[in-house]
Amino acid sequence: MTSPTDTDARAGFQALLQAHRGIVAKVAGTYAWHPDDRDDLMQEIATQLWRAWPGYDPQRPAATWMYRIALNVAISYVRGRTRGVQPEPFGDHHGQVADPHAHDHEARQQVDLLHRFIHAQPPLDRALLLLYLEDRSYREMADVLGLSETNVATKISRLKQRVRTEL
């Protein structure tokens, strides 16, 4: 039998997850390309969010809390699957991701190249690129990833330079 408190907690969690479900989908889509893997990762992220829910401080931004947990789960997921496997170099063999908002062929190609570039990066760099593309502040990225703002700024600068060079 569930108590009213359990029911309230469950309803609060479901409302928060529904309001920010895009975070879970974006993180899973960044770390898992195959639809089955993406679904598994989304389920694992939701499970870990639920486990962490009792410790959530509603005074803090929900998006930061969700990104922190989702990215940690996704990075662990990738590391577990690629343990002992060398990272793939950026190339044509990466999956195609079409941007449904791209209206012209050139824009679609640029978005596809960026997706492939992001997918070829190590897990932490993928997280930084995802948060940067979400217009998150360096402070928020630092909070989510447990880095200093200076470290975030340096890593973002290097990633932007690599994007300019490689794309």
C-alpha atoms as a PDB file:
ATOM      1  CA  MET A   1       0.000   0.000   0.000  1.00  0.00           C
ATOM      2  CA  THR A   2       1.356   3.449  -0.885  1.00  0.00           C
ATOM      3  CA  SER A   3       1.105   6.413   1.436  1.00  0.00           C
ATOM      4  CA  PRO A   4      -0.106   9.853   0.340  1.00  0.00           C
ATOM      5  CA  THR A   5       3.536  11.002   0.572  1.00  0.00           C
ATOM      6  CA  ASP A   6       4.627   8.259  -1.857  1.00  0.00           C
ATOM      7  CA  THR A   7       1.840   9.246  -4.225  1.00  0.00           C
ATOM      8  CA  ASP A   8       2.817  12.927  -3.997  1.00  0.00           C
ATOM      9  CA  ALA A   9       6.483  12.106  -4.602  1.00  0.00           C
ATOM     10  CA  ARG A  10       5.635   9.959  -7.596  1.00  0.00           C
ATOM     11  CA  ALA A  11       3.331  12.623  -9.054  1.00  0.00           C
ATOM     12  CA  GLY A  12       5.981  15.315  -8.502  1.00  0.00           C
ATOM     13  CA  PHE A  13       8.632  13.216 -10.181  1.00  0.00           C
ATOM     14  CA  GLN A  14       6.398  12.385 -13.132  1.00  0.00           C
ATOM     15  CA  ALA A  15       5.527  16.053 -13.607  1.00  0.00           C
ATOM     16  CA  LEU A  16       9.195  17.063 -13.518  1.00  0.00           C
ATOM     17  CA  LEU A  17      10.202  14.276 -15.886  1.00  0.00           C
ATOM     18  CA  GLN A  18       7.401  15.215 -18.275  1.00  0.00           C
ATOM     19  CA  ALA A  19       8.355  18.908 -18.187  1.00  0.00           C
ATOM     20  CA  HIS A  20      12.022  18.146 -18.902  1.00  0.00           C
ATOM     21  CA  ARG A  21      11.744  14.978 -20.978  1.00  0.00           C
ATOM     22  CA  GLY A  22      13.671  16.743 -23.758  1.00  0.00           C
ATOM     23  CA  ILE A  23      16.807  16.653 -21.619  1.00  0.00           C
ATOM     24  CA  VAL A  24      16.601  12.866 -21.315  1.00  0.00           C
ATOM     25  CA  ALA A  25      15.955  12.485 -25.045  1.00  0.00           C
ATOM     26  CA  LYS A  26      18.805  14.826 -26.041  1.00  0.00           C
ATOM     27  CA  VAL A  27      21.329  13.176 -23.775  1.00  0.00           C
ATOM     28  CA  ALA A  28      20.307   9.682 -24.883  1.00  0.00           C
ATOM     29  CA  GLY A  29      20.395  10.759 -28.526  1.00  0.00           C
ATOM     30  CA  THR A  30      23.885  12.176 -28.087  1.00  0.00           C
ATOM     31  CA  TYR A  31      25.298   8.976 -26.597  1.00  0.00           C
ATOM     32  CA  ALA A  32      23.307   6.218 -28.304  1.00  0.00           C
ATOM     33  CA  TRP A  33      22.621   6.217 -32.030  1.00  0.00           C
ATOM     34  CA  HIS A  34      20.736   2.969 -32.435  1.00  0.00           C
ATOM     35  CA  PRO A  35      17.046   3.368 -31.504  1.00  0.00           C
ATOM     36  CA  ASP A  36      17.062   0.317 -29.220  1.00  0.00           C
ATOM     37  CA  ASP A  37      20.179   1.556 -27.430  1.00  0.00           C
ATOM     38  CA  ARG A  38      18.690   5.044 -27.174  1.00  0.00           C
ATOM     39  CA  ASP A  39      15.496   3.630 -25.624  1.00  0.00           C
ATOM     40  CA  ASP A  40      17.524   1.554 -23.158  1.00  0.00           C
ATOM     41  CA  LEU A  41      19.603   4.593 -22.208  1.00  0.00           C
ATOM     42  CA  MET A  42      16.502   6.764 -21.764  1.00  0.00           C
ATOM     43  CA  GLN A  43      15.018   4.095 -19.485  1.00  0.00           C
ATOM     44  CA  GLU A  44      18.239   3.873 -17.462  1.00  0.00           C
ATOM     45  CA  ILE A  45      18.396   7.666 -17.108  1.00  0.00           C
ATOM     46  CA  ALA A  46      14.769   7.774 -15.917  1.00  0.00           C
ATOM     47  CA  THR A  47      15.502   4.995 -13.425  1.00  0.00           C
ATOM     48  CA  GLN A  48      18.528   6.809 -12.021  1.00  0.00           C
ATOM     49  CA  LEU A  49      16.595  10.078 -11.831  1.00  0.00           C
ATOM     50  CA  TRP A  50      13.895   8.295  -9.826  1.00  0.00           C
ATOM     51  CA  ARG A  51      16.492   6.807  -7.472  1.00  0.00           C
ATOM     52  CA  ALA A  52      18.019  10.260  -6.942  1.00  0.00           C
ATOM     53  CA  TRP A  53      14.618  11.964  -6.612  1.00  0.00           C
ATOM     54  CA  PRO A  54      14.475  11.830  -2.766  1.00  0.00           C
ATOM     55  CA  GLY A  55      17.688  13.894  -2.649  1.00  0.00           C
ATOM     56  CA  TYR A  56      16.563  16.510  -5.165  1.00  0.00           C
ATOM     57  CA  ASP A  57      16.570  20.056  -3.758  1.00  0.00           C
ATOM     58  CA  PRO A  58      13.654  21.948  -5.340  1.00  0.00           C
ATOM     59  CA  GLN A  59      15.458  25.234  -4.579  1.00  0.00           C
ATOM     60  CA  ARG A  60      18.016  24.326  -7.275  1.00  0.00           C
ATOM     61  CA  PRO A  61      17.331  24.332 -11.014  1.00  0.00           C
ATOM     62  CA  ALA A  62      15.727  21.061 -12.091  1.00  0.00           C
ATOM     63  CA  ALA A  63      17.413  21.157 -15.492  1.00  0.00           C
ATOM     64  CA  THR A  64      20.892  21.256 -13.942  1.00  0.00           C
ATOM     65  CA  TRP A  65      20.050  18.337 -11.644  1.00  0.00           C
ATOM     66  CA  MET A  66      18.637  16.328 -14.550  1.00  0.00           C
ATOM     67  CA  TYR A  67      21.555  17.075 -16.863  1.00  0.00           C
ATOM     68  CA  ARG A  68      24.041  16.055 -14.162  1.00  0.00           C
ATOM     69  CA  ILE A  69      22.408  12.675 -13.610  1.00  0.00           C
ATOM     70  CA  ALA A  70      21.569  12.040 -17.270  1.00  0.00           C
ATOM     71  CA  LEU A  71      25.102  12.839 -18.450  1.00  0.00           C
ATOM     72  CA  ASN A  72      26.697  10.728 -15.717  1.00  0.00           C
ATOM     73  CA  VAL A  73      24.484   7.788 -16.669  1.00  0.00           C
ATOM     74  CA  ALA A  74      25.201   8.300 -20.379  1.00  0.00           C
ATOM     75  CA  ILE A  75      28.962   8.613 -19.889  1.00  0.00           C
ATOM     76  CA  SER A  76      28.980   5.443 -17.766  1.00  0.00           C
ATOM     77  CA  TYR A  77      26.875   3.733 -20.430  1.00  0.00           C
ATOM     78  CA  VAL A  78      29.359   4.645 -23.175  1.00  0.00           C
ATOM     79  CA  ARG A  79      32.374   3.710 -21.074  1.00  0.00           C
ATOM     80  CA  GLY A  80      30.823   0.356 -20.199  1.00  0.00           C
ATOM     81  CA  ARG A  81      30.119  -0.418 -23.834  1.00  0.00           C
ATOM     82  CA  THR A  82      33.463   0.761 -25.170  1.00  0.00           C
ATOM     83  CA  ARG A  83      35.757  -0.535 -22.434  1.00  0.00           C
ATOM     84  CA  GLY A  84      38.898  -1.646 -24.235  1.00  0.00           C
ATOM     85  CA  VAL A  85      37.734  -0.206 -27.555  1.00  0.00           C
ATOM     86  CA  GLN A  86      39.620   2.738 -29.021  1.00  0.00           C
ATOM     87  CA  PRO A  87      37.530   5.795 -29.924  1.00  0.00           C
ATOM     88  CA  GLU A  88      36.521   5.910 -33.553  1.00  0.00           C
ATOM     89  CA  PRO A  89      38.057   8.657 -35.627  1.00  0.00           C
ATOM     90  CA  PHE A  90      35.631  11.056 -37.199  1.00  0.00           C
ATOM     91  CA  GLY A  91      34.598   9.746 -40.607  1.00  0.00           C
ATOM     92  CA  ASP A  92      31.890   8.836 -43.063  1.00  0.00           C
ATOM     93  CA  HIS A  93      31.007   5.576 -41.314  1.00  0.00           C
ATOM     94  CA  HIS A  94      29.075   7.339 -38.544  1.00  0.00           C
ATOM     95  CA  GLY A  95      25.304   7.184 -38.677  1.00  0.00           C
ATOM     96  CA  GLN A  96      23.205   9.674 -40.537  1.00  0.00           C
ATOM     97  CA  VAL A  97      21.094  12.016 -38.450  1.00  0.00           C
ATOM     98  CA  ALA A  98      18.700  14.191 -40.357  1.00  0.00           C
ATOM     99  CA  ASP A  99      17.621  17.489 -38.874  1.00  0.00           C
ATOM    100  CA  PRO A 100      13.868  17.694 -39.377  1.00  0.00           C
ATOM    101  CA  HIS A 101      14.105  21.494 -39.208  1.00  0.00           C
ATOM    102  CA  ALA A 102      16.657  21.826 -41.999  1.00  0.00           C
ATOM    103  CA  HIS A 103      14.967  23.065 -45.127  1.00  0.00           C
ATOM    104  CA  ASP A 104      17.835  23.063 -47.518  1.00  0.00           C
ATOM    105  CA  HIS A 105      20.329  20.428 -48.454  1.00  0.00           C
ATOM    106  CA  GLU A 106      23.425  22.426 -47.424  1.00  0.00           C
ATOM    107  CA  ALA A 107      22.069  23.185 -43.953  1.00  0.00           C
ATOM    108  CA  ARG A 108      21.125  19.528 -43.514  1.00  0.00           C
ATOM    109  CA  GLN A 109      24.647  18.462 -44.478  1.00  0.00           C
ATOM    110  CA  GLN A 110      26.185  20.887 -41.985  1.00  0.00           C
ATOM    111  CA  VAL A 111      23.963  19.622 -39.191  1.00  0.00           C
ATOM    112  CA  ASP A 112      24.772  16.036 -40.139  1.00  0.00           C
ATOM    113  CA  LEU A 113      28.509  16.773 -40.081  1.00  0.00           C
ATOM    114  CA  LEU A 114      28.166  18.387 -36.664  1.00  0.00           C
ATOM    115  CA  HIS A 115      26.232  15.378 -35.317  1.00  0.00           C
ATOM    116  CA  ARG A 116      28.903  13.032 -36.637  1.00  0.00           C
ATOM    117  CA  PHE A 117      31.648  15.207 -35.160  1.00  0.00           C
ATOM    118  CA  ILE A 118      29.915  15.189 -31.760  1.00  0.00           C
ATOM    119  CA  HIS A 119      29.393  11.431 -31.859  1.00  0.00           C
ATOM    120  CA  ALA A 120      33.097  10.859 -32.561  1.00  0.00           C
ATOM    121  CA  GLN A 121      34.162  12.797 -29.449  1.00  0.00           C
ATOM    122  CA  PRO A 122      35.048  11.298 -26.067  1.00  0.00           C
ATOM    123  CA  PRO A 123      32.097  11.205 -23.624  1.00  0.00           C
ATOM    124  CA  LEU A 124      33.034  14.326 -21.641  1.00  0.00           C
ATOM    125  CA  ASP A 125      33.540  16.400 -24.788  1.00  0.00           C
ATOM    126  CA  ARG A 126      30.140  15.234 -26.065  1.00  0.00           C
ATOM    127  CA  ALA A 127      28.583  16.463 -22.834  1.00  0.00           C
ATOM    128  CA  LEU A 128      30.297  19.837 -23.188  1.00  0.00           C
ATOM    129  CA  LEU A 129      29.155  20.204 -26.791  1.00  0.00           C
ATOM    130  CA  LEU A 130      25.592  19.216 -25.900  1.00  0.00           C
ATOM    131  CA  LEU A 131      25.407  21.771 -23.092  1.00  0.00           C
ATOM    132  CA  TYR A 132      27.106  24.443 -25.215  1.00  0.00           C
ATOM    133  CA  LEU A 133      24.606  23.901 -28.025  1.00  0.00           C
ATOM    134  CA  GLU A 134      21.821  24.165 -25.436  1.00  0.00           C
ATOM    135  CA  ASP A 135      23.118  27.679 -24.603  1.00  0.00           C
ATOM    136  CA  ARG A 136      23.946  26.673 -21.043  1.00  0.00           C
ATOM    137  CA  SER A 137      26.241  29.071 -19.208  1.00  0.00           C
ATOM    138  CA  TYR A 138      29.788  28.061 -18.324  1.00  0.00           C
ATOM    139  CA  ARG A 139      28.691  28.167 -14.661  1.00  0.00           C
ATOM    140  CA  GLU A 140      25.875  25.703 -15.341  1.00  0.00           C
ATOM    141  CA  MET A 141      28.132  23.436 -17.411  1.00  0.00           C
ATOM    142  CA  ALA A 142      30.645  23.491 -14.562  1.00  0.00           C
ATOM    143  CA  ASP A 143      27.916  22.553 -12.050  1.00  0.00           C
ATOM    144  CA  VAL A 144      26.611  19.736 -14.213  1.00  0.00           C
ATOM    145  CA  LEU A 145      30.013  18.237 -15.026  1.00  0.00           C
ATOM    146  CA  GLY A 146      31.866  18.954 -11.791  1.00  0.00           C
ATOM    147  CA  LEU A 147      34.476  21.126 -13.509  1.00  0.00           C
ATOM    148  CA  SER A 148      35.636  24.680 -12.851  1.00  0.00           C
ATOM    149  CA  GLU A 149      34.306  27.444 -15.067  1.00  0.00           C
ATOM    150  CA  THR A 150      37.846  28.077 -16.276  1.00  0.00           C
ATOM    151  CA  ASN A 151      38.243  24.441 -17.254  1.00  0.00           C
ATOM    152  CA  VAL A 152      34.906  24.542 -19.084  1.00  0.00           C
ATOM    153  CA  ALA A 153      35.926  27.714 -20.944  1.00  0.00           C
ATOM    154  CA  THR A 154      39.250  26.185 -21.970  1.00  0.00           C
ATOM    155  CA  LYS A 155      37.678  22.930 -23.146  1.00  0.00           C
ATOM    156  CA  ILE A 156      34.927  24.742 -25.068  1.00  0.00           C
ATOM    157  CA  SER A 157      37.499  26.972 -26.752  1.00  0.00           C
ATOM    158  CA  ARG A 158      39.512  23.927 -27.836  1.00  0.00           C
ATOM    159  CA  LEU A 159      36.394  22.134 -29.066  1.00  0.00           C
ATOM    160  CA  LYS A 160      35.300  25.175 -31.081  1.00  0.00           C
ATOM    161  CA  GLN A 161      38.756  25.329 -32.665  1.00  0.00           C
ATOM    162  CA  ARG A 162      38.530  21.620 -33.558  1.00  0.00           C
ATOM    163  CA  VAL A 163      35.080  22.136 -35.070  1.00  0.00           C
ATOM    164  CA  ARG A 164      36.448  24.960 -37.228  1.00  0.00           C
ATOM    165  CA  THR A 165      39.424  22.834 -38.299  1.00  0.00           C
ATOM    166  CA  GLU A 166      37.640  19.534 -38.900  1.00  0.00           C
ATOM    167  CA  LEU A 167      34.356  20.681 -40.410  1.00  0.00           C
END
